[in-house]
Every structure is written in structure tokens, then in C-alpha cells.
């Protein structure tokens, strides 16, 4: 299938971005390019409520530049959307007309409801958290939503943002203790007046760039062993410590922090207080980060109109696993076959009371089966190492960071020695019971993978038999729809790992 490029121009109060995406039914949605300009249009709105000539010219120059890039990249399908900066400008219709006449770019003026909705939609389709409050702090407005079991319940846009809060409360680029307190109490009062926010006791999901900065700062102080911030989680205690650190630093000290982009150094203080206030009003103990927001919400919404099965917010990982496996040379039929045969084997083990049945274990096993040894695509001899690295060091929609490592450990299972080597940086993330579960399921997946050595999906059923006269032996009747030459060889070669787990001799009978 042809890979289709599409783009979003996001005209915000603080920054203006051009983001180019690529989507195909096989490989899914990917971000190709992200260009940001810190325009601070909110500062160019006059006291009378008009965007001044300086702001208009900044916007015009950027749109001219973006239009050139769209032409050079051959992109015909794009959307240009404006949020609070233009929405709050009394001359917005004149500006929109001028931009179209001079650049050919038609700007959509998003309503407050639409802006909040697209943020929620991106979160619901890219993270697994079933219920949450989302917050997207822009330069001139703050969008809040509450969704329950992935269904949007409430949404609101509040007329303050990072740039407007700085103008309202800060006397200089360095925020004083008194100013921190003033912003916190102001934001808390604003949130309290939104009655449906009070005491929800669900995670708060931050969408904005400032939320990403908070996550990066937390990762830095913990020497965090993973890359990426999408779906990263912080406790309320973590959040308060980061907030205290921000409060103690000057503007120049904040600018020097590697985890914080220089253009956010003067606004991270008020933003952090807004997050803190919201967590207290919601009574939330968890703060999560979504790297996907307004722009992704727009793109995903458009794609779903053409391809209704492209995303599944009820099981985010399912569609993402399909794209991931395809990227590394596995067909959808192949990954579904591995998942089906692995579950057959698991249920047979439970039928004979060799293992205790668990729906959670079946779910985890199913995840691992779909991406088992994807590292083979890069190098056969180092498939395990490549698989662990690929899965643990890339953002995977639908999995938080612990779940991502869990998947990497399971899908890369080669033997106990390599498993414990991979586990070492993450030992305190898992209980002893979880570790033993992953070793059991990993050994099972290794045998299942050997039983598809020819990549023909010829195994149709697996039946376990135990003879009362020889209880130390496990007979596996493996039914096939073709001659299993490769499967016989690899199955008998790899079964030793499984034998150690079930503590029985395993005999493979191919039918």
C-alpha cells in the first residue's frame, strides 16, 4: 500500500508547529518531521483584544515557510488549526482571510470544545489508562477533559495558559515564592469551580510540552534506565519534589537544565503550579505523560474516517502490535497464529493442573507472542538482544514503561541467563512472582516459536497427555497440516527450556 503523508499546522499562543506524519495500513502512523517556532502570539494581543501587526507578520512569515515545506514534501492533505491565540483575538476573521489570500493556507479556528476533544482523543487512542483527567496547557488557554472507560464525559477550556499566567503573576523571568503560591491558589480556585473535577481520584494525564519537561526532569534525577516519556508515570510525591526544585531555581539556572528547553524556562514555574493544583483538586496520586495531543488527535480522527479499523482505543496495544510486527517482517497471520497456539498450550497445561489458570497471564502471553523475536529482522544470531533493545527503547502505544519492559523481557526470552542480564537494570520494578511468571511464559513462547520454524503456520492443534504409569513424562501431540521437518528439528532442540519449567521430560509427537 502507498504510504500517505499528511500534515498539521498548529497555531498556538506560545508555539507554532508544522508536523508531518505518514500513515499506511501496514506500518501505521509515524511522525516524520516536527518543526517548532516559539512565536508567543499571546504577547502580541493588545489590551483591546486585537492581535497586533507584529504578531500578524510573525504568523504570515511562518506560514510562507511552512507552505514551501509542504510543497517540497509533496503533501496535499494538511490542516492548519488555530487555538486560543486567534480565538481570543477580535480581528481573527481578518487575519484568517489575510493568511489565505497571501499563502493559500486556510486556517480552521478550533472551538474550545474541539480543542479539548482532540487532546482527549489522542490520549484515549495511544495510552491504556481506562479513565483519567487530561490537561493541555497552552500559552493562552488550558483544556481539561475527563474520560471514563475511554468515553469522554466532560470537557472545558479555561481562559489562562503559560504565557498569560506569566504576564498576570510574574514580575520577571524568575518566579518568586510568593508568585508560586499566587499561581497555585488561583489555579486551584479555577479548578474547584469546575464541579465535575472534584475528588475524581483518577490519574492526571499531562499533554503539553511543559508536562514533557516535568517527566524528563524526574527521569534525570532518578537516572532512569529507559528512553522516551510517552506514558511515563510519576507519583504525587515525585511531582511535589520536582515542583520544589523548580521553585528554588532562578531563570538562568533553569535555562541551563538539559531536561528543559530554554524557551520554557520562564514559564515552567506557573505551569508546574497549575499541574499541582489540578492534582490536589482531582485528588490524584498519579501523573502521567502523553506525548500525543491535539495534532495527533486531529490526524487519528481523519485517518479513522477512511480506515475505521486503524486504531482501537479499547485495546490500544492490539493494533499497535500489528504495526510493530509488520515493521519487522512479520505478517498479521503469523502473529495471530503464534498467539493462538501459545494460548492452546497454556490452556492444556492448566487443564492438567500443571499451571494455575489466569486471564492476566493469557493476556500477557498473547502480547509476547505477537512480537516474539522481532529482532530476527535485523540479525538472526543476535535476535534476542535486538528484540529486547527494540521493545524496551521505543514508545509503544498502549503500554506504560513497566509493561514495555515486561513485553521486552518476554518477547526476547532465550534462556534464564540472558533473561536475568536484561532484567538487571529493572530488578526493583518486578516482584519475584512476576519474574517467575515471565520465565514460565518465555519458555513456553520459545517452544511455540520452534514449532513454527518453517514460518508456514502448519501446527493446527496441541494436546497434552500424561500417562499415569509415567507421570514424569509429558506427551505433546502436535497436529499439523503439512510435513513438519523444520518443526521437528527445532522443537526437539529447544524443548529443554520448557522441560526445566514443567519439571518433566517432554516428548513431541507430530501427527
Protein backbone atom coordinates (compact mmCIF):
# COMPACT_ATOMS: atom_id res chain seq x y z
CA UNK A 1 0.00 0.00 0.00
CA UNK A 2 1.18 3.55 -0.75
CA UNK A 3 2.30 5.40 2.35
CA UNK A 4 0.28 8.58 2.58
CA UNK A 5 1.76 11.75 4.08
CA UNK A 6 -0.35 14.31 5.87
CA UNK A 7 0.49 17.35 7.99
CA UNK A 8 -0.88 19.58 10.74
CA UNK A 9 -0.01 23.24 11.25
CA UNK A 10 -0.76 24.04 14.90
CA UNK A 11 -1.05 27.77 15.61
CA UNK A 12 -0.91 28.12 19.37
CA UNK A 13 -0.44 31.02 21.76
CA UNK A 14 3.12 30.01 22.68
CA UNK A 15 4.41 27.99 19.72
CA UNK A 16 3.53 27.40 16.08
CA UNK A 17 4.39 23.97 14.66
CA UNK A 18 4.42 22.09 11.41
CA UNK A 19 4.29 18.32 11.95
CA UNK A 20 4.39 15.86 9.06
CA UNK A 21 3.03 12.33 9.50
CA UNK A 22 2.95 9.21 7.39
CA UNK A 23 0.29 6.53 7.59
CA UNK A 24 -0.20 3.16 5.93
CA UNK A 25 -2.49 0.24 6.77
CA UNK A 26 0.60 -1.94 7.17
CA UNK A 27 3.01 0.16 9.23
CA UNK A 28 0.61 2.54 10.99
CA UNK A 29 1.15 6.20 11.90
CA UNK A 30 4.62 7.70 12.14
CA UNK A 31 5.86 11.23 12.75
CA UNK A 32 8.36 12.21 10.05
CA UNK A 33 9.18 15.81 10.93
CA UNK A 34 8.37 18.30 13.68
CA UNK A 35 9.31 21.97 13.28
CA UNK A 36 8.60 24.44 16.07
CA UNK A 37 8.80 28.20 16.29
CA UNK A 38 8.34 29.99 19.61
CA UNK A 39 6.11 32.84 18.43
CA UNK A 40 4.43 33.82 21.74
CA UNK A 41 1.45 35.30 19.88
CA UNK A 42 -0.30 35.74 23.23
CA UNK A 43 2.11 38.59 23.97
CA UNK A 44 1.07 40.34 20.75
CA UNK A 45 -2.60 40.69 21.73
CA UNK A 46 -3.34 44.28 22.69
CA UNK A 47 -5.28 45.35 25.76
CA UNK A 48 -8.24 45.93 23.46
CA UNK A 49 -8.10 42.28 22.37
CA UNK A 50 -6.58 42.55 18.88
CA UNK A 51 -3.57 40.67 17.53
CA UNK A 52 -1.17 43.46 16.60
CA UNK A 53 0.74 43.90 13.34
CA UNK A 54 3.90 42.34 14.79
CA UNK A 55 2.03 39.15 15.65
CA UNK A 56 0.30 39.06 12.27
CA UNK A 57 3.61 39.40 10.44
CA UNK A 58 5.21 36.64 12.54
CA UNK A 59 2.36 34.33 11.63
CA UNK A 60 2.49 35.27 7.95
CA UNK A 61 6.25 34.66 7.69
CA UNK A 62 5.93 31.25 9.34
CA UNK A 63 3.04 30.18 7.10
CA UNK A 64 5.02 31.19 3.99
CA UNK A 65 7.90 29.00 5.23
CA UNK A 66 5.60 26.09 6.10
CA UNK A 67 3.88 26.28 2.70
CA UNK A 68 7.26 25.86 0.97
CA UNK A 69 7.95 22.74 3.05
CA UNK A 70 4.55 21.26 2.25
CA UNK A 71 5.23 21.72 -1.45
CA UNK A 72 8.76 20.29 -1.19
CA UNK A 73 7.44 17.22 0.66
CA UNK A 74 4.63 16.76 -1.84
CA UNK A 75 1.93 16.98 0.82
CA UNK A 76 -1.55 17.72 -0.42
CA UNK A 77 -3.57 16.71 2.64
CA UNK A 78 -2.94 19.06 5.57
CA UNK A 79 -4.89 21.00 8.15
CA UNK A 80 -3.97 24.33 9.71
CA UNK A 81 -5.69 24.89 13.05
CA UNK A 82 -5.59 27.84 15.43
CA UNK A 83 -6.39 27.75 19.13
CA UNK A 84 -6.60 30.39 21.88
CA UNK A 85 -4.28 32.98 20.30
CA UNK A 86 -6.59 33.63 17.36
CA UNK A 87 -9.78 32.50 19.10
CA UNK A 88 -9.34 35.31 21.63
CA UNK A 89 -8.38 37.93 19.01
CA UNK A 90 -11.20 40.24 17.93
CA UNK A 91 -9.66 40.55 14.46
CA UNK A 92 -9.31 36.79 13.89
CA UNK A 93 -11.53 36.68 10.79
CA UNK A 94 -9.49 39.41 9.10
CA UNK A 95 -6.28 37.52 9.94
CA UNK A 96 -7.63 34.21 8.62
CA UNK A 97 -8.67 35.92 5.37
CA UNK A 98 -5.27 37.61 5.01
CA UNK A 99 -3.36 34.35 5.59
CA UNK A 100 -5.42 32.54 2.95
CA UNK A 101 -5.03 35.31 0.38
CA UNK A 102 -1.26 35.55 0.83
CA UNK A 103 -0.28 31.90 1.47
CA UNK A 104 -3.18 29.78 0.24
CA UNK A 105 -3.42 28.17 3.70
CA UNK A 106 -6.95 28.04 5.10
CA UNK A 107 -6.89 28.28 8.90
CA UNK A 108 -9.54 26.46 10.94
CA UNK A 109 -10.44 28.30 14.13
CA UNK A 110 -10.96 25.47 16.61
CA UNK A 111 -13.65 25.91 19.22
CA UNK A 112 -12.76 25.38 22.86
CA UNK A 113 -14.74 22.13 22.78
CA UNK A 114 -12.92 20.85 19.67
CA UNK A 115 -9.51 21.69 21.10
CA UNK A 116 -10.25 19.76 24.29
CA UNK A 117 -11.81 16.87 22.36
CA UNK A 118 -8.81 16.29 20.08
CA UNK A 119 -6.48 16.18 23.08
CA UNK A 120 -8.68 13.58 24.78
CA UNK A 121 -8.98 11.60 21.52
CA UNK A 122 -5.20 11.34 21.13
CA UNK A 123 -4.77 10.16 24.72
CA UNK A 124 -7.60 7.61 24.50
CA UNK A 125 -6.13 6.10 21.33
CA UNK A 126 -2.48 5.95 22.44
CA UNK A 127 -2.40 5.05 26.15
CA UNK A 128 -4.04 2.19 28.04
CA UNK A 129 -5.29 4.14 31.09
CA UNK A 130 -9.06 3.48 31.03
CA UNK A 131 -10.18 6.59 32.97
CA UNK A 132 -8.33 9.86 33.54
CA UNK A 133 -8.34 13.64 33.60
CA UNK A 134 -6.32 15.20 30.78
CA UNK A 135 -4.75 18.65 30.87
CA UNK A 136 -3.23 20.53 27.95
CA UNK A 137 -1.75 23.89 28.97
CA UNK A 138 -1.24 26.18 26.02
CA UNK A 139 0.01 29.73 26.01
CA UNK A 140 -3.42 31.33 26.41
CA UNK A 141 -5.82 28.59 27.48
CA UNK A 142 -5.95 25.31 29.39
CA UNK A 143 -8.03 22.40 28.11
CA UNK A 144 -9.33 19.87 30.65
CA UNK A 145 -11.26 16.67 29.95
CA UNK A 146 -12.50 13.75 31.99
CA UNK A 147 -12.99 10.40 30.30
CA UNK A 148 -14.28 7.18 31.84
CA UNK A 149 -13.61 3.76 30.26
CA UNK A 150 -12.29 5.64 27.22
CA UNK A 151 -15.57 7.58 26.75
CA UNK A 152 -15.48 11.38 27.04
CA UNK A 153 -17.67 12.59 29.91
CA UNK A 154 -16.75 16.26 30.35
CA UNK A 155 -14.58 18.88 28.64
CA UNK A 156 -13.82 22.50 29.37
CA UNK A 157 -11.41 25.21 28.21
CA UNK A 158 -10.24 27.70 30.83
CA UNK A 159 -9.00 31.15 29.73
CA UNK A 160 -5.48 31.02 31.16
CA UNK A 161 -2.23 29.45 29.96
CA UNK A 162 1.51 29.53 30.50
CA UNK A 163 2.12 32.88 28.76
CA UNK A 164 -0.94 34.63 30.18
CA UNK A 165 -0.12 33.40 33.71
CA UNK A 166 3.40 34.77 33.38
CA UNK A 167 2.02 38.16 32.30
CA UNK A 168 -0.53 38.17 35.11
CA UNK A 169 1.59 36.99 38.05
CA UNK A 170 5.34 37.30 37.32
CA UNK A 171 7.33 40.50 37.61
CA UNK A 172 10.44 39.00 35.94
CA UNK A 173 11.61 35.78 34.30
CA UNK A 174 12.50 34.34 37.73
CA UNK A 175 9.45 33.35 39.76
CA UNK A 176 9.38 34.23 43.47
CA UNK A 177 7.97 32.05 46.25
CA UNK A 178 5.03 34.43 46.63
CA UNK A 179 4.30 34.26 42.90
CA UNK A 180 4.39 30.44 43.02
CA UNK A 181 1.80 30.48 45.80
CA UNK A 182 -0.39 33.01 43.98
CA UNK A 183 -0.49 30.94 40.79
CA UNK A 184 -1.23 27.76 42.75
CA UNK A 185 -4.17 29.29 44.66
CA UNK A 186 -5.51 30.97 41.52
CA UNK A 187 -5.45 27.71 39.54
CA UNK A 188 -6.85 25.67 42.42
CA UNK A 189 -9.82 28.04 42.74
CA UNK A 190 -10.44 27.86 38.98
CA UNK A 191 -10.46 24.06 39.07
CA UNK A 192 -12.63 23.85 42.18
CA UNK A 193 -15.34 25.80 40.39
CA UNK A 194 -15.47 23.01 37.78
CA UNK A 195 -17.63 20.75 39.96
CA UNK A 196 -17.10 17.52 37.99
CA UNK A 197 -13.33 17.72 38.61
CA UNK A 198 -13.52 17.50 42.39
CA UNK A 199 -12.31 14.26 44.04
CA UNK A 200 -12.39 12.09 40.91
CA UNK A 201 -9.40 10.10 42.22
CA UNK A 202 -8.13 9.14 38.74
CA UNK A 203 -4.73 9.72 37.10
CA UNK A 204 -3.97 13.15 35.63
CA UNK A 205 -2.51 12.94 32.12
CA UNK A 206 -0.41 15.92 31.03
CA UNK A 207 -0.23 16.63 27.29
CA UNK A 208 1.75 19.84 26.84
CA UNK A 209 5.45 20.37 26.24
CA UNK A 210 5.79 21.60 29.81
CA UNK A 211 4.42 18.26 31.04
CA UNK A 212 7.14 16.54 28.98
CA UNK A 213 9.70 18.72 30.70
CA UNK A 214 8.45 17.66 34.14
CA UNK A 215 8.78 14.00 33.14
CA UNK A 216 12.30 14.48 31.79
CA UNK A 217 13.38 16.21 34.99
CA UNK A 218 12.04 13.31 37.06
CA UNK A 219 13.81 10.76 34.85
CA UNK A 220 17.09 12.67 35.14
CA UNK A 221 17.10 12.78 38.94
CA UNK A 222 16.33 9.04 39.08
CA UNK A 223 18.94 8.02 36.46
CA UNK A 224 16.02 6.41 34.67
CA UNK A 225 17.12 3.40 32.54
CA UNK A 226 14.63 3.86 29.68
CA UNK A 227 14.32 6.36 26.86
CA UNK A 228 11.17 8.29 25.97
CA UNK A 229 8.48 9.98 28.04
CA UNK A 230 5.21 8.85 26.41
CA UNK A 231 3.16 7.03 29.08
CA UNK A 232 5.78 7.80 31.76
CA UNK A 233 4.31 7.85 35.26
CA UNK A 234 5.13 9.94 38.32
CA UNK A 235 3.71 9.74 41.82
CA UNK A 236 2.33 12.78 43.59
CA UNK A 237 5.41 12.72 45.85
CA UNK A 238 7.70 12.74 42.78
CA UNK A 239 5.73 15.61 41.34
CA UNK A 240 5.98 17.68 44.53
CA UNK A 241 9.75 17.17 44.72
CA UNK A 242 10.22 18.34 41.13
CA UNK A 243 7.97 21.29 41.84
CA UNK A 244 10.06 22.23 44.88
CA UNK A 245 13.22 22.03 42.78
CA UNK A 246 11.76 24.33 40.14
CA UNK A 247 10.73 26.80 42.84
CA UNK A 248 14.30 27.01 44.15
CA UNK A 249 15.96 27.83 40.82
CA UNK A 250 16.45 31.13 39.03
CA UNK A 251 15.57 31.70 35.39
CA UNK A 252 19.23 31.42 34.34
CA UNK A 253 19.63 28.17 36.28
CA UNK A 254 16.51 26.73 34.66
CA UNK A 255 17.79 27.70 31.19
CA UNK A 256 20.90 25.59 31.76
CA UNK A 257 18.99 22.42 32.59
CA UNK A 258 19.39 19.75 29.90
CA UNK A 259 15.89 18.41 30.52
CA UNK A 260 14.22 21.79 29.94
CA UNK A 261 14.21 23.63 26.62
CA UNK A 262 15.40 27.22 27.01
CA UNK A 263 12.16 28.65 25.61
CA UNK A 264 10.21 27.09 28.51
CA UNK A 265 12.50 28.20 31.33
CA UNK A 266 10.43 31.29 32.12
CA UNK A 267 7.04 29.53 32.04
CA UNK A 268 7.74 26.14 33.65
CA UNK A 269 7.12 27.61 37.14
CA UNK A 270 3.50 28.69 36.64
CA UNK A 271 2.76 25.54 34.61
CA UNK A 272 4.06 23.29 37.41
CA UNK A 273 1.80 25.07 39.90
CA UNK A 274 -1.20 24.52 37.63
CA UNK A 275 -0.43 20.79 37.47
CA UNK A 276 -0.04 20.64 41.25
CA UNK A 277 -3.32 22.45 41.80
CA UNK A 278 -5.20 20.13 39.46
CA UNK A 279 -3.82 17.00 41.13
CA UNK A 280 -4.98 18.25 44.51
CA UNK A 281 -8.48 19.12 43.28
CA UNK A 282 -8.84 15.77 41.47
CA UNK A 283 -7.25 14.02 44.49
CA UNK A 284 -4.94 12.15 42.13
CA UNK A 285 -1.89 10.18 43.20
CA UNK A 286 -0.57 9.61 39.67
CA UNK A 287 0.65 12.00 37.00
CA UNK A 288 1.16 10.53 33.54
CA UNK A 289 2.65 11.99 30.39
CA UNK A 290 1.17 11.68 26.92
CA UNK A 291 3.40 12.79 24.09
CA UNK A 292 0.33 12.66 21.85
CA UNK A 293 -2.06 15.60 21.92
CA UNK A 294 -4.05 17.98 19.74
CA UNK A 295 -2.16 17.31 16.49
CA UNK A 296 -2.26 13.52 16.83
CA UNK A 297 -5.93 13.72 17.79
CA UNK A 298 -6.66 15.54 14.53
CA UNK A 299 -4.65 13.10 12.41
CA UNK A 300 -6.06 9.97 14.09
CA UNK A 301 -9.60 11.33 13.72
CA UNK A 302 -9.06 11.94 9.99
CA UNK A 303 -7.49 8.51 9.43
CA UNK A 304 -10.36 6.73 11.17
CA UNK A 305 -12.81 8.32 8.72
CA UNK A 306 -11.02 6.48 5.90
CA UNK A 307 -9.86 3.39 7.80
CA UNK A 308 -12.25 2.63 10.69
CA UNK A 309 -10.07 -0.24 11.98
CA UNK A 310 -6.79 1.70 12.02
CA UNK A 311 -6.93 2.31 15.81
CA UNK A 312 -8.68 0.61 18.71
CA UNK A 313 -8.90 2.70 21.85
CA UNK A 314 -10.42 -0.19 23.85
CA UNK A 315 -7.23 -2.24 23.29
CA UNK A 316 -4.58 0.22 22.18
CA UNK A 317 -1.75 -2.30 22.06
CA UNK A 318 -3.60 -4.69 19.72
CA UNK A 319 -3.42 -2.51 16.61
CA UNK A 320 -0.01 -1.18 17.57
CA UNK A 321 1.37 -4.74 17.86
CA UNK A 322 0.21 -5.42 14.32
CA UNK A 323 2.07 -2.37 13.01
CA UNK A 324 5.16 -3.18 15.07
CA UNK A 325 5.33 -6.78 13.89
CA UNK A 326 4.82 -5.70 10.28
CA UNK A 327 7.65 -3.19 10.55
CA UNK A 328 9.99 -6.06 11.44
CA UNK A 329 8.85 -8.55 8.82
CA UNK A 330 6.04 -10.48 10.49
CA UNK A 331 2.65 -10.83 8.81
CA UNK A 332 -0.61 -10.44 10.72
CA UNK A 333 -1.46 -14.10 10.03
CA UNK A 334 1.86 -15.17 11.54
CA UNK A 335 1.48 -13.22 14.78
CA UNK A 336 -2.13 -14.34 15.20
CA UNK A 337 -1.04 -17.96 14.67
CA UNK A 338 1.64 -17.70 17.37
CA UNK A 339 -0.82 -16.11 19.79
CA UNK A 340 -3.45 -18.82 19.13
CA UNK A 341 -1.05 -21.78 19.50
CA UNK A 342 0.53 -20.28 22.63
CA UNK A 343 -2.90 -19.93 24.23
CA UNK A 344 -3.77 -23.53 23.24
CA UNK A 345 -0.65 -24.78 25.01
CA UNK A 346 -1.31 -22.61 28.07
CA UNK A 347 -4.88 -23.91 28.42
CA UNK A 348 -3.67 -27.52 28.05
CA UNK A 349 -1.18 -27.01 30.87
CA UNK A 350 -3.94 -25.59 33.06
CA UNK A 351 -6.29 -28.46 32.11
CA UNK A 352 -3.78 -30.89 33.59
CA UNK A 353 -3.31 -28.59 36.63
CA UNK A 354 0.35 -28.11 35.81
CA UNK A 355 -0.24 -24.33 35.87
CA UNK A 356 -2.88 -22.21 37.55
CA UNK A 357 -5.19 -20.50 35.08
CA UNK A 358 -5.02 -16.70 34.90
CA UNK A 359 -6.71 -14.35 32.44
CA UNK A 360 -3.96 -11.81 33.08
CA UNK A 361 -1.28 -14.34 32.13
CA UNK A 362 -3.12 -15.22 28.91
CA UNK A 363 -3.26 -11.51 28.05
CA UNK A 364 0.48 -11.06 28.71
CA UNK A 365 1.28 -14.25 26.78
CA UNK A 366 -0.79 -13.01 23.84
CA UNK A 367 1.16 -9.72 23.81
CA UNK A 368 4.50 -11.51 23.83
CA UNK A 369 3.51 -13.97 21.11
CA UNK A 370 2.72 -11.15 18.68
CA UNK A 371 6.21 -9.63 18.80
CA UNK A 372 8.34 -12.60 19.86
CA UNK A 373 11.89 -12.34 18.47
CA UNK A 374 11.15 -9.43 16.12
CA UNK A 375 14.89 -8.76 16.33
CA UNK A 376 15.41 -11.57 13.81
CA UNK A 377 14.64 -8.95 11.18
CA UNK A 378 17.98 -7.28 11.99
CA UNK A 379 20.17 -10.30 12.69
CA UNK A 380 19.31 -13.96 13.25
CA UNK A 381 22.20 -14.76 15.61
CA UNK A 382 21.51 -11.76 17.86
CA UNK A 383 17.70 -11.84 17.65
CA UNK A 384 17.21 -11.90 21.42
CA UNK A 385 19.43 -8.88 22.10
CA UNK A 386 17.89 -6.88 19.24
CA UNK A 387 14.36 -7.77 20.34
CA UNK A 388 14.94 -6.62 23.91
CA UNK A 389 16.58 -3.38 22.80
CA UNK A 390 13.94 -2.57 20.19
CA UNK A 391 10.99 -3.12 22.51
CA UNK A 392 12.42 -1.55 25.65
CA UNK A 393 13.77 1.57 23.95
CA UNK A 394 10.87 2.71 21.83
CA UNK A 395 7.49 4.14 22.71
CA UNK A 396 4.75 1.52 22.32
CA UNK A 397 1.22 2.88 22.38
CA UNK A 398 -0.92 1.10 24.93
CA UNK A 399 1.94 0.11 27.24
CA UNK A 400 3.32 2.09 30.17
CA UNK A 401 7.05 1.84 30.85
CA UNK A 402 6.89 -1.18 33.16
CA UNK A 403 4.61 -3.00 30.71
CA UNK A 404 7.03 -2.16 27.91
CA UNK A 405 9.96 -3.74 29.78
CA UNK A 406 7.79 -6.72 30.67
CA UNK A 407 6.99 -7.22 26.99
CA UNK A 408 10.67 -6.86 26.03
CA UNK A 409 11.72 -9.48 28.61
CA UNK A 410 9.05 -11.92 27.43
CA UNK A 411 9.45 -11.44 23.68
CA UNK A 412 13.26 -11.73 23.85
CA UNK A 413 13.32 -14.88 26.04
CA UNK A 414 16.23 -17.10 25.02
CA UNK A 415 17.30 -18.65 28.32
CA UNK A 416 17.44 -17.76 32.00
CA UNK A 417 20.93 -16.29 31.82
CA UNK A 418 20.09 -13.74 29.13
CA UNK A 419 16.76 -13.01 30.84
CA UNK A 420 18.45 -12.04 34.10
CA UNK A 421 21.02 -9.97 32.22
CA UNK A 422 18.25 -7.92 30.59
CA UNK A 423 16.35 -7.71 33.87
CA UNK A 424 19.23 -6.33 35.95
CA UNK A 425 18.58 -2.56 35.46
CA UNK A 426 14.89 -3.13 36.24
CA UNK A 427 15.07 -5.62 39.13
CA UNK A 428 13.17 -3.39 41.54
CA UNK A 429 10.33 -2.95 39.02
CA UNK A 430 9.14 -6.56 39.33
CA UNK A 431 8.22 -8.86 42.19
CA UNK A 432 9.70 -12.37 42.44
CA UNK A 433 6.32 -13.77 41.38
CA UNK A 434 6.25 -11.58 38.27
CA UNK A 435 9.79 -12.63 37.33
CA UNK A 436 8.93 -16.32 37.64
CA UNK A 437 5.78 -15.81 35.59
CA UNK A 438 7.77 -14.18 32.77
CA UNK A 439 10.31 -17.02 32.77
CA UNK A 440 7.50 -19.59 32.54
CA UNK A 441 5.71 -17.77 29.72
CA UNK A 442 9.01 -17.05 27.96
CA UNK A 443 9.96 -20.73 27.93
CA UNK A 444 6.52 -21.58 26.55
CA UNK A 445 6.86 -18.97 23.78
CA UNK A 446 10.31 -20.27 22.88
CA UNK A 447 8.86 -23.75 22.29
CA UNK A 448 5.87 -22.39 20.35
CA UNK A 449 8.20 -20.38 18.13
CA UNK A 450 10.25 -23.52 17.43
CA UNK A 451 7.03 -25.25 16.39
CA UNK A 452 6.71 -22.71 13.56
CA UNK A 453 10.31 -23.00 12.39
CA UNK A 454 9.32 -23.10 8.71
CA UNK A 455 7.12 -19.97 9.10
CA UNK A 456 4.22 -21.83 7.44
CA UNK A 457 1.82 -21.89 10.41
CA UNK A 458 1.30 -25.64 9.90
CA UNK A 459 0.54 -26.55 13.54
CA UNK A 460 -3.23 -26.70 13.95
CA UNK A 461 -3.63 -28.08 17.48
CA UNK A 462 -1.69 -29.19 20.55
CA UNK A 463 -2.93 -31.79 23.03
CA UNK A 464 -1.09 -32.72 26.23
CA UNK A 465 -1.32 -36.26 27.60
CA UNK A 466 0.10 -37.61 30.87
CA UNK A 467 0.31 -41.35 31.39
CA UNK A 468 -0.34 -42.42 34.98
CA UNK A 469 2.39 -45.04 34.66
CA UNK A 470 4.95 -42.42 33.59
CA UNK A 471 3.90 -39.15 35.29
CA UNK A 472 7.40 -37.74 34.84
CA UNK A 473 6.77 -37.59 31.07
CA UNK A 474 4.71 -35.01 29.19
CA UNK A 475 3.47 -36.20 25.80
CA UNK A 476 2.66 -33.39 23.36
CA UNK A 477 0.52 -34.43 20.42
CA UNK A 478 1.13 -31.78 17.78
CA UNK A 479 -1.32 -31.84 14.90
CA UNK A 480 -0.11 -30.36 11.60
CA UNK A 481 -1.44 -29.78 8.10
CA UNK A 482 1.89 -30.48 6.39
CA UNK A 483 5.16 -32.31 6.87
CA UNK A 484 6.88 -30.71 9.90
CA UNK A 485 10.55 -31.30 9.09
CA UNK A 486 11.82 -27.97 10.45
CA UNK A 487 9.36 -28.01 13.33
CA UNK A 488 10.53 -31.48 14.46
CA UNK A 489 14.15 -30.43 14.45
CA UNK A 490 13.73 -27.08 16.21
CA UNK A 491 11.06 -28.37 18.63
CA UNK A 492 13.28 -31.17 19.89
CA UNK A 493 16.26 -28.83 20.04
CA UNK A 494 14.51 -26.12 22.07
CA UNK A 495 12.22 -28.19 24.34
CA UNK A 496 14.84 -28.41 27.11
CA UNK A 497 13.98 -24.88 28.30
CA UNK A 498 10.35 -25.86 28.63
CA UNK A 499 11.24 -29.14 30.36
CA UNK A 500 13.05 -27.22 33.11
CA UNK A 501 9.93 -25.17 33.71
CA UNK A 502 7.41 -28.02 33.87
CA UNK A 503 9.95 -30.33 35.55
CA UNK A 504 9.09 -33.20 33.21
CA UNK A 505 10.55 -34.86 30.16
CA UNK A 506 8.71 -33.64 27.09
CA UNK A 507 8.12 -35.91 24.10
CA UNK A 508 6.85 -34.35 20.89
CA UNK A 509 4.52 -36.44 18.75
CA UNK A 510 3.81 -34.89 15.35
CA UNK A 511 0.55 -36.07 13.73
